């Protein structure tokens, strides 16, 4: 391994180094901005164009750190921007005498570790490529860029103002970039790195640039958690259906009493025209077994009218009553040349946690019928409640749906900076 070479800038006399001896072609002076041709034994100055702004690298040149198991030294730094000078990003040239050159890119506080690749990706479509027959990468950015600050050594002749055409393809956390410059095309392959790792790798005292927004190749933590949440949701869904099956299999759902009654229109007092009330009392019946729910079903042949039974389930021994009201209504007719109907002639209601014992139904019926009306009451014990399982199902699905929404929102933010966003709508384009 060749030793580093030290020399003085031929323009300002600043001390400069060549670390990648035999590979470095140019060195940009940190003091005056001159670019020196180190391939020329006389260290000829290639350019004296100095950037309009000073850019201090977060990782100082000469810093060393281990990435992917290899120890690298930062030997070069440049800042580039798009052609409109709207977006700026920084690139650090890393060198290892055995592995060669790698790159660290930083954009809005987001970092990626890149290497040059020799195998050209396959072009699947105008906006998709595939690398080594594996993942598909989608086009995120296509633009012209230029160098607006340079410092340190590089393996090509670089200076402020150099332009190139770039295309970025992403498959988070991976990214493949295509760059056309100096009559050649270079492909690089990179992976997203958390900013906190950069701080530790290079043992830098100050905090890294604060992350802003979502980077093109930033992995979505919601995407991973969303897959895990859906996995758990399917497990819980299976349990819900298992419990539902077991409940239906073991539920008694037995008819314990049925009785017919007549709503008598002849009762002297009325609440309003066509509406009357009278008290009815059922035959006594017994509820056996453990404490369970009771379903009361009302059936009546109502016709353009309603009937309501304000029922009270009364324990014969304790005298305590459990309200269990139920009503039916049925309407039909013809309007606008079409027949219509609404309502039902059968309805049910539930009373929960009814203990065993002897009971009667105390019924206070009311109806809009102008005549006497027959109706039947049917009592069922230990009825499976489908609504409970429906709400349990909604609760189980709510969490993965919310997780999917978060991931979708994250992707919207990622692609909001791209001209090739798959989330664009016709309205947005208009």
Protein backbone atom coordinates (compact mmCIF):
# COMPACT_ATOMS: atom_id res chain seq x y z
CA UNK A 1 0.00 0.00 0.00
CA UNK A 2 1.51 3.33 -1.11
CA UNK A 3 2.12 6.00 1.49
CA UNK A 4 0.14 9.22 1.42
CA UNK A 5 1.77 12.12 -0.39
CA UNK A 6 1.79 15.62 1.06
CA UNK A 7 2.23 18.72 -1.10
CA UNK A 8 1.42 22.40 -1.12
CA UNK A 9 -1.28 24.03 -3.15
CA UNK A 10 0.47 25.74 -6.09
CA UNK A 11 -2.02 28.62 -5.81
CA UNK A 12 -2.18 29.45 -2.09
CA UNK A 13 0.43 27.19 -0.48
CA UNK A 14 -2.03 25.31 1.75
CA UNK A 15 -1.01 21.83 2.87
CA UNK A 16 -2.72 19.12 0.85
CA UNK A 17 -2.59 15.31 0.86
CA UNK A 18 -3.05 12.48 -1.60
CA UNK A 19 -4.34 9.40 0.22
CA UNK A 20 -5.41 7.25 -2.72
CA UNK A 21 -2.00 7.33 -4.39
CA UNK A 22 -2.17 6.00 -7.93
CA UNK A 23 -5.93 6.56 -8.09
CA UNK A 24 -6.48 10.20 -7.23
CA UNK A 25 -6.47 12.42 -10.32
CA UNK A 26 -7.50 15.73 -8.82
CA UNK A 27 -7.41 17.47 -5.45
CA UNK A 28 -9.54 20.49 -4.56
CA UNK A 29 -7.87 22.88 -2.14
CA UNK A 30 -9.91 23.51 0.99
CA UNK A 31 -8.34 26.95 1.33
CA UNK A 32 -8.57 28.63 -2.05
CA UNK A 33 -10.81 26.24 -3.98
CA UNK A 34 -8.26 25.57 -6.72
CA UNK A 35 -8.45 22.14 -8.34
CA UNK A 36 -5.02 20.59 -8.91
CA UNK A 37 -4.25 17.89 -11.47
CA UNK A 38 -2.30 15.37 -9.38
CA UNK A 39 -1.77 13.13 -12.40
CA UNK A 40 0.59 15.84 -13.61
CA UNK A 41 3.93 15.66 -11.80
CA UNK A 42 4.03 19.46 -11.71
CA UNK A 43 0.65 19.59 -9.96
CA UNK A 44 -0.90 21.79 -12.60
CA UNK A 45 -3.90 23.90 -11.58
CA UNK A 46 -7.01 22.81 -13.48
CA UNK A 47 -9.35 25.43 -12.14
CA UNK A 48 -9.34 28.44 -9.84
CA UNK A 49 -13.12 28.78 -9.83
CA UNK A 50 -14.22 29.08 -6.23
CA UNK A 51 -17.71 28.31 -5.06
CA UNK A 52 -19.93 31.29 -4.26
CA UNK A 53 -20.65 29.71 -0.90
CA UNK A 54 -18.56 27.90 1.68
CA UNK A 55 -19.83 24.48 2.65
CA UNK A 56 -18.43 22.85 5.77
CA UNK A 57 -18.65 19.04 5.62
CA UNK A 58 -20.32 17.39 8.60
CA UNK A 59 -17.76 14.57 8.35
CA UNK A 60 -14.31 16.22 8.20
CA UNK A 61 -11.93 15.06 5.48
CA UNK A 62 -9.51 12.58 6.99
CA UNK A 63 -12.16 11.03 9.26
CA UNK A 64 -12.21 7.26 9.44
CA UNK A 65 -15.06 4.88 10.15
CA UNK A 66 -16.26 1.35 9.48
CA UNK A 67 -19.15 0.76 7.09
CA UNK A 68 -20.38 -2.71 6.10
CA UNK A 69 -17.40 -4.22 7.90
CA UNK A 70 -14.81 -2.15 6.00
CA UNK A 71 -12.81 0.77 7.38
CA UNK A 72 -12.92 3.81 5.12
CA UNK A 73 -11.31 7.22 5.15
CA UNK A 74 -13.11 10.33 3.93
CA UNK A 75 -10.84 11.81 1.25
CA UNK A 76 -13.18 14.06 -0.74
CA UNK A 77 -16.31 16.14 -0.34
CA UNK A 78 -18.56 17.94 -2.78
CA UNK A 79 -21.91 19.63 -2.75
CA UNK A 80 -24.19 19.39 -5.74
CA UNK A 81 -27.58 20.82 -6.60
CA UNK A 82 -30.24 20.53 -9.24
CA UNK A 83 -30.05 22.82 -12.24
CA UNK A 84 -32.49 25.33 -10.67
CA UNK A 85 -30.47 25.37 -7.43
CA UNK A 86 -33.56 24.35 -5.44
CA UNK A 87 -32.30 21.10 -3.94
CA UNK A 88 -28.79 20.66 -2.50
CA UNK A 89 -27.11 17.46 -1.37
CA UNK A 90 -23.64 16.53 -0.18
CA UNK A 91 -21.42 13.66 -1.28
CA UNK A 92 -18.47 12.21 0.65
CA UNK A 93 -15.83 10.22 -1.23
CA UNK A 94 -14.65 7.26 0.89
CA UNK A 95 -11.52 5.26 0.22
CA UNK A 96 -10.13 1.92 1.32
CA UNK A 97 -6.90 0.69 -0.32
CA UNK A 98 -8.33 -2.81 -0.75
CA UNK A 99 -12.00 -2.03 -1.50
CA UNK A 100 -11.54 1.13 -3.52
CA UNK A 101 -13.94 4.07 -3.61
CA UNK A 102 -17.40 4.30 -2.02
CA UNK A 103 -19.72 7.21 -1.37
CA UNK A 104 -21.86 8.66 1.40
CA UNK A 105 -24.70 10.87 0.22
CA UNK A 106 -26.57 13.25 2.53
CA UNK A 107 -29.77 15.03 1.52
CA UNK A 108 -31.97 16.91 4.02
CA UNK A 109 -30.38 14.98 6.88
CA UNK A 110 -30.92 11.58 5.22
CA UNK A 111 -27.90 9.36 4.47
CA UNK A 112 -27.16 6.61 1.95
CA UNK A 113 -24.08 4.45 1.36
CA UNK A 114 -23.25 3.95 -2.34
CA UNK A 115 -20.85 1.94 -4.44
CA UNK A 116 -20.19 1.88 -8.18
CA UNK A 117 -21.57 -1.20 -9.96
CA UNK A 118 -20.33 -2.72 -13.20
CA UNK A 119 -23.40 -4.80 -14.07
CA UNK A 120 -25.88 -2.58 -15.88
CA UNK A 121 -29.47 -2.97 -14.60
CA UNK A 122 -32.11 -4.29 -16.99
CA UNK A 123 -34.60 -1.73 -18.31
CA UNK A 124 -38.08 -3.21 -17.75
CA UNK A 125 -40.02 -0.13 -18.85
CA UNK A 126 -39.58 3.60 -19.23
CA UNK A 127 -39.73 4.04 -15.46
CA UNK A 128 -38.63 0.65 -14.08
CA UNK A 129 -35.34 -1.22 -13.92
CA UNK A 130 -34.23 -4.52 -12.42
CA UNK A 131 -30.84 -5.23 -10.90
CA UNK A 132 -29.34 -8.75 -11.01
CA UNK A 133 -32.77 -10.18 -11.75
CA UNK A 134 -34.03 -9.38 -8.28
CA UNK A 135 -35.91 -6.31 -7.07
CA UNK A 136 -37.72 -3.87 -9.34
CA UNK A 137 -36.69 -0.23 -8.94
CA UNK A 138 -39.04 2.62 -9.84
CA UNK A 139 -37.90 5.90 -11.35
CA UNK A 140 -38.06 8.65 -8.73
CA UNK A 141 -36.04 11.49 -10.23
CA UNK A 142 -34.59 12.53 -13.57
CA UNK A 143 -32.78 15.85 -13.69
CA UNK A 144 -29.62 17.77 -14.48
CA UNK A 145 -27.30 18.69 -11.64
CA UNK A 146 -24.10 20.63 -11.12
CA UNK A 147 -21.23 20.86 -8.65
CA UNK A 148 -21.24 24.04 -6.56
CA UNK A 149 -18.59 23.14 -3.96
CA UNK A 150 -15.66 20.72 -3.96
CA UNK A 151 -12.90 19.87 -1.51
CA UNK A 152 -10.38 17.04 -1.22
CA UNK A 153 -9.26 14.35 -3.65
CA UNK A 154 -11.18 12.51 -6.35
CA UNK A 155 -10.52 9.84 -8.93
CA UNK A 156 -11.58 12.12 -11.78
CA UNK A 157 -11.03 15.76 -12.63
CA UNK A 158 -13.86 17.59 -10.86
CA UNK A 159 -14.47 21.31 -10.46
CA UNK A 160 -17.21 23.74 -9.52
CA UNK A 161 -19.71 24.09 -12.35
CA UNK A 162 -19.37 20.53 -13.67
CA UNK A 163 -22.74 19.28 -14.91
CA UNK A 164 -24.26 15.84 -15.33
CA UNK A 165 -27.58 14.12 -15.96
CA UNK A 166 -28.90 11.87 -13.20
CA UNK A 167 -31.71 9.37 -12.78
CA UNK A 168 -32.62 7.85 -9.44
CA UNK A 169 -34.50 4.55 -9.13
CA UNK A 170 -35.74 3.37 -5.74
CA UNK A 171 -36.78 0.22 -3.95
CA UNK A 172 -36.54 1.37 -0.30
CA UNK A 173 -34.18 1.10 1.45
CA UNK A 174 -32.18 0.60 -1.78
CA UNK A 175 -31.48 3.06 -4.58
CA UNK A 176 -29.79 2.82 -7.95
CA UNK A 177 -28.55 5.99 -9.61
CA UNK A 178 -27.54 6.52 -13.21
CA UNK A 179 -25.26 9.44 -14.03
CA UNK A 180 -24.16 10.65 -17.44
CA UNK A 181 -21.13 12.95 -17.49
CA UNK A 182 -17.85 13.37 -19.32
CA UNK A 183 -19.04 11.10 -22.11
CA UNK A 184 -19.63 8.08 -19.87
CA UNK A 185 -22.46 6.50 -17.88
CA UNK A 186 -21.91 5.44 -14.28
CA UNK A 187 -24.28 3.30 -12.20
CA UNK A 188 -24.21 3.34 -8.40
CA UNK A 189 -26.04 1.16 -5.91
CA UNK A 190 -26.85 2.39 -2.41
CA UNK A 191 -28.71 1.70 0.79
CA UNK A 192 -30.30 4.04 3.32
CA UNK A 193 -28.48 4.53 6.64
CA UNK A 194 -29.95 6.06 9.79
CA UNK A 195 -28.32 9.40 10.65
CA UNK A 196 -27.56 8.30 14.21
CA UNK A 197 -25.28 5.55 12.84
CA UNK A 198 -23.18 8.08 10.90
CA UNK A 199 -22.53 10.02 14.11
CA UNK A 200 -21.26 6.87 15.85
CA UNK A 201 -19.32 5.44 12.88
CA UNK A 202 -17.15 8.52 12.46
CA UNK A 203 -17.08 9.47 16.17
CA UNK A 204 -18.37 12.98 15.54
CA UNK A 205 -19.19 15.10 18.58
CA UNK A 206 -21.87 17.25 17.00
CA UNK A 207 -25.28 15.96 15.99
CA UNK A 208 -25.84 15.20 12.28
CA UNK A 209 -28.00 17.50 10.13
CA UNK A 210 -31.62 17.20 11.20
CA UNK A 211 -33.71 14.93 8.98
CA UNK A 212 -36.45 16.66 7.05
CA UNK A 213 -39.34 15.03 5.25
CA UNK A 214 -39.08 11.56 3.72
CA UNK A 215 -36.04 10.53 1.68
CA UNK A 216 -36.51 8.79 -1.69
CA UNK A 217 -35.10 5.49 -0.40
CA UNK A 218 -36.03 5.86 3.27
CA UNK A 219 -37.63 2.60 4.47
CA UNK A 220 -41.11 2.88 5.89
CA UNK A 221 -41.28 1.55 9.43
CA UNK A 222 -45.03 1.51 8.96
CA UNK A 223 -44.70 -0.92 6.06
CA UNK A 224 -42.88 -3.47 8.21
CA UNK A 225 -45.15 -2.96 11.20
CA UNK A 226 -48.17 -3.09 8.88
CA UNK A 227 -47.18 -6.57 7.70
CA UNK A 228 -46.75 -7.69 11.31
CA UNK A 229 -50.07 -6.12 12.31
CA UNK A 230 -51.89 -7.89 9.48
CA UNK A 231 -50.27 -11.15 10.50
CA UNK A 232 -51.54 -10.72 14.05
CA UNK A 233 -54.93 -9.59 12.73
CA UNK A 234 -55.34 -12.82 10.78
CA UNK A 235 -54.49 -14.78 13.92
CA UNK A 236 -57.05 -12.84 15.96
CA UNK A 237 -59.62 -13.19 13.18
CA UNK A 238 -59.13 -16.93 13.34
CA UNK A 239 -59.66 -16.83 17.10
CA UNK A 240 -62.80 -14.70 16.70
CA UNK A 241 -64.32 -17.17 14.24
CA UNK A 242 -63.27 -20.06 16.46
CA UNK A 243 -65.02 -18.49 19.44
CA UNK A 244 -68.02 -17.68 17.24
CA UNK A 245 -68.22 -21.29 16.08
CA UNK A 246 -67.89 -22.56 19.64
CA UNK A 247 -70.59 -20.16 20.84
CA UNK A 248 -73.03 -21.21 18.16
CA UNK A 249 -72.26 -24.86 18.81
CA UNK A 250 -72.86 -24.64 22.56
CA UNK A 251 -75.64 -22.03 22.66
CA UNK A 252 -78.99 -23.37 23.86
CA UNK A 253 -81.11 -21.00 21.76
CA UNK A 254 -84.15 -22.88 23.07
CA UNK A 255 -87.78 -21.75 23.01
CA UNK A 256 -88.91 -21.63 26.65
CA UNK A 257 -92.35 -20.05 26.25
CA UNK A 258 -94.74 -18.84 23.57
CA UNK A 259 -98.18 -17.33 23.90
CA UNK A 260 -100.71 -15.44 21.80
CA UNK A 261 -102.49 -12.27 22.88
CA UNK A 262 -105.11 -9.94 21.51
CA UNK A 263 -104.88 -6.21 21.50
CA UNK A 264 -108.46 -5.14 22.27
CA UNK A 265 -109.68 -1.97 20.60
CA UNK A 266 -112.74 -2.04 22.88
CA UNK A 267 -110.79 -0.73 25.90
CA UNK A 268 -112.62 2.48 26.85
CA UNK A 269 -109.72 4.94 27.22
CA UNK A 270 -107.37 5.98 24.40
CA UNK A 271 -104.18 7.95 24.12
CA UNK A 272 -105.03 9.36 20.72
CA UNK A 273 -107.24 8.51 17.81
CA UNK A 274 -106.71 4.89 16.78
CA UNK A 275 -104.38 4.13 19.71
CA UNK A 276 -105.41 2.25 22.85
CA UNK A 277 -103.75 0.42 25.73
CA UNK A 278 -104.59 -2.45 28.07
CA UNK A 279 -102.58 -4.66 30.50
CA UNK A 280 -101.98 -8.31 29.65
CA UNK A 281 -100.36 -11.02 31.78
CA UNK A 282 -98.81 -14.21 30.42
CA UNK A 283 -98.96 -17.69 31.85
CA UNK A 284 -96.13 -18.47 34.30
CA UNK A 285 -93.09 -20.23 32.85
CA UNK A 286 -89.77 -21.48 34.12
CA UNK A 287 -86.26 -20.48 32.99
CA UNK A 288 -83.78 -23.25 33.74
CA UNK A 289 -80.01 -23.61 33.65
CA UNK A 290 -77.41 -20.92 34.28
CA UNK A 291 -77.84 -17.17 34.05
CA UNK A 292 -78.06 -16.22 30.37
CA UNK A 293 -79.68 -13.84 27.93
CA UNK A 294 -83.34 -13.97 26.94
CA UNK A 295 -84.69 -13.01 23.52
CA UNK A 296 -88.29 -11.87 23.18
CA UNK A 297 -89.76 -12.07 19.66
CA UNK A 298 -92.99 -10.34 18.67
CA UNK A 299 -95.01 -11.42 15.61
CA UNK A 300 -98.16 -9.69 14.35
CA UNK A 301 -99.93 -9.32 11.03
CA UNK A 302 -99.82 -5.53 11.08
CA UNK A 303 -100.98 -3.78 7.90
CA UNK A 304 -100.18 -0.10 7.49
CA UNK A 305 -100.01 0.15 11.26
CA UNK A 306 -97.77 -0.47 14.22
CA UNK A 307 -97.99 -2.49 17.40
CA UNK A 308 -95.79 -2.09 20.48
CA UNK A 309 -95.52 -4.39 23.51
CA UNK A 310 -94.04 -2.67 26.58
CA UNK A 311 -93.13 -5.98 28.23
CA UNK A 312 -91.72 -6.58 31.69
CA UNK A 313 -90.16 -9.94 32.58
CA UNK A 314 -91.20 -10.38 36.24
CA UNK A 315 -89.61 -12.92 38.61
CA UNK A 316 -92.42 -14.66 40.49
CA UNK A 317 -90.37 -15.09 43.68
CA UNK A 318 -88.55 -11.76 44.01
CA UNK A 319 -91.05 -9.57 42.18
CA UNK A 320 -88.20 -7.89 40.30
CA UNK A 321 -88.91 -6.96 36.72
CA UNK A 322 -86.62 -6.73 33.71
CA UNK A 323 -87.80 -4.37 30.93
CA UNK A 324 -87.88 -6.08 27.55
CA UNK A 325 -89.93 -3.86 25.17
CA UNK A 326 -90.46 -4.83 21.53
CA UNK A 327 -92.50 -3.47 18.63
CA UNK A 328 -93.35 -4.06 14.97
CA UNK A 329 -94.60 -1.91 12.12
CA UNK A 330 -95.35 -2.53 8.48
CA UNK A 331 -96.30 -0.04 5.80
CA UNK A 332 -96.94 -0.37 2.08
CA UNK A 333 -98.52 1.52 -0.76
CA UNK A 334 -98.06 2.85 -4.25
CA UNK A 335 -96.34 6.07 -5.21
CA UNK A 336 -95.18 7.45 -8.54
CA UNK A 337 -96.44 4.34 -10.30
CA UNK A 338 -94.34 2.02 -8.13
CA UNK A 339 -95.17 -0.19 -5.18
CA UNK A 340 -93.25 0.34 -1.95
CA UNK A 341 -93.06 -1.22 1.49
CA UNK A 342 -91.12 -0.73 4.68
CA UNK A 343 -90.94 -2.25 8.13
CA UNK A 344 -91.40 -5.84 9.32
CA UNK A 345 -94.07 -7.94 10.94
CA UNK A 346 -91.56 -9.60 13.25
CA UNK A 347 -89.07 -8.07 15.69
CA UNK A 348 -86.91 -9.17 18.62
CA UNK A 349 -85.19 -7.65 21.63
CA UNK A 350 -82.72 -8.99 24.22
CA UNK A 351 -82.50 -8.98 27.99
CA UNK A 352 -79.06 -9.79 29.34
CA UNK A 353 -78.01 -11.82 32.42
CA UNK A 354 -81.40 -13.24 33.35
CA UNK A 355 -81.09 -15.73 36.27
CA UNK A 356 -83.09 -18.99 36.33
CA UNK A 357 -86.49 -19.08 38.06
CA UNK A 358 -90.24 -18.74 37.53
CA UNK A 359 -91.38 -15.75 35.51
CA UNK A 360 -94.37 -14.02 33.90
CA UNK A 361 -94.62 -11.41 31.21
CA UNK A 362 -96.47 -8.24 32.16
CA UNK A 363 -97.43 -6.62 28.84
CA UNK A 364 -98.72 -3.14 28.16
CA UNK A 365 -99.57 -3.16 24.42
CA UNK A 366 -100.31 -0.16 22.24
CA UNK A 367 -101.16 0.10 18.56
CA UNK A 368 -102.34 2.38 15.81
CA UNK A 369 -104.81 -0.32 14.71
CA UNK A 370 -108.49 0.68 14.61
CA UNK A 371 -109.52 -2.91 15.31
CA UNK A 372 -108.46 -5.72 17.62
CA UNK A 373 -105.10 -7.16 16.68
CA UNK A 374 -103.63 -10.58 17.45
CA UNK A 375 -99.94 -10.90 18.25
CA UNK A 376 -97.65 -13.64 19.49
CA UNK A 377 -94.74 -13.47 21.93
CA UNK A 378 -91.90 -16.03 21.88
CA UNK A 379 -89.18 -16.33 24.51
CA UNK A 380 -85.80 -17.91 23.71
CA UNK A 381 -83.00 -18.63 26.17
CA UNK A 382 -79.19 -18.50 25.64
CA UNK A 383 -79.19 -16.92 22.18
CA UNK A 384 -75.83 -16.35 20.41
CA UNK A 385 -75.32 -12.62 19.82
CA UNK A 386 -73.87 -12.03 16.37
CA UNK A 387 -73.40 -8.29 16.95
CA UNK A 388 -70.80 -8.97 19.66
CA UNK A 389 -68.66 -10.86 17.20
CA UNK A 390 -69.28 -8.23 14.53
CA UNK A 391 -67.86 -5.50 16.79
CA UNK A 392 -64.97 -7.76 17.76
CA UNK A 393 -64.30 -8.27 14.05
CA UNK A 394 -64.38 -4.51 13.43
CA UNK A 395 -61.98 -3.92 16.30
CA UNK A 396 -59.53 -6.52 14.99
CA UNK A 397 -59.62 -5.05 11.47
CA UNK A 398 -59.46 -1.44 12.64
CA UNK A 399 -55.82 -1.68 13.76
CA UNK A 400 -54.34 -3.06 10.49
CA UNK A 401 -56.48 -0.66 8.46
CA UNK A 402 -55.11 2.23 10.51
CA UNK A 403 -51.58 0.85 10.06
CA UNK A 404 -52.10 0.59 6.30
CA UNK A 405 -53.35 4.20 6.25
CA UNK A 406 -50.18 5.38 8.04
CA UNK A 407 -47.98 3.53 5.54
CA UNK A 408 -49.92 4.94 2.60
CA UNK A 409 -49.59 8.44 4.05
CA UNK A 410 -45.83 7.88 4.44
CA UNK A 411 -45.55 6.85 0.76
CA UNK A 412 -47.53 9.92 -0.31
CA UNK A 413 -44.98 12.10 1.48
CA UNK A 414 -42.09 10.22 -0.15
CA UNK A 415 -43.43 10.64 -3.67
CA UNK A 416 -44.57 14.24 -3.18
CA UNK A 417 -41.09 15.37 -4.29
CA UNK A 418 -41.08 13.21 -7.41
CA UNK A 419 -42.26 14.00 -10.93
CA UNK A 420 -43.07 10.30 -11.34
CA UNK A 421 -45.39 9.83 -8.36
CA UNK A 422 -47.81 6.88 -8.69
CA UNK A 423 -50.19 8.80 -6.41
CA UNK A 424 -50.92 11.56 -8.87
CA UNK A 425 -54.55 11.87 -9.88
CA UNK A 426 -56.12 13.31 -13.00
CA UNK A 427 -57.38 16.26 -10.93
CA UNK A 428 -53.86 17.04 -9.68
CA UNK A 429 -52.46 16.93 -13.21
CA UNK A 430 -55.18 19.31 -14.41
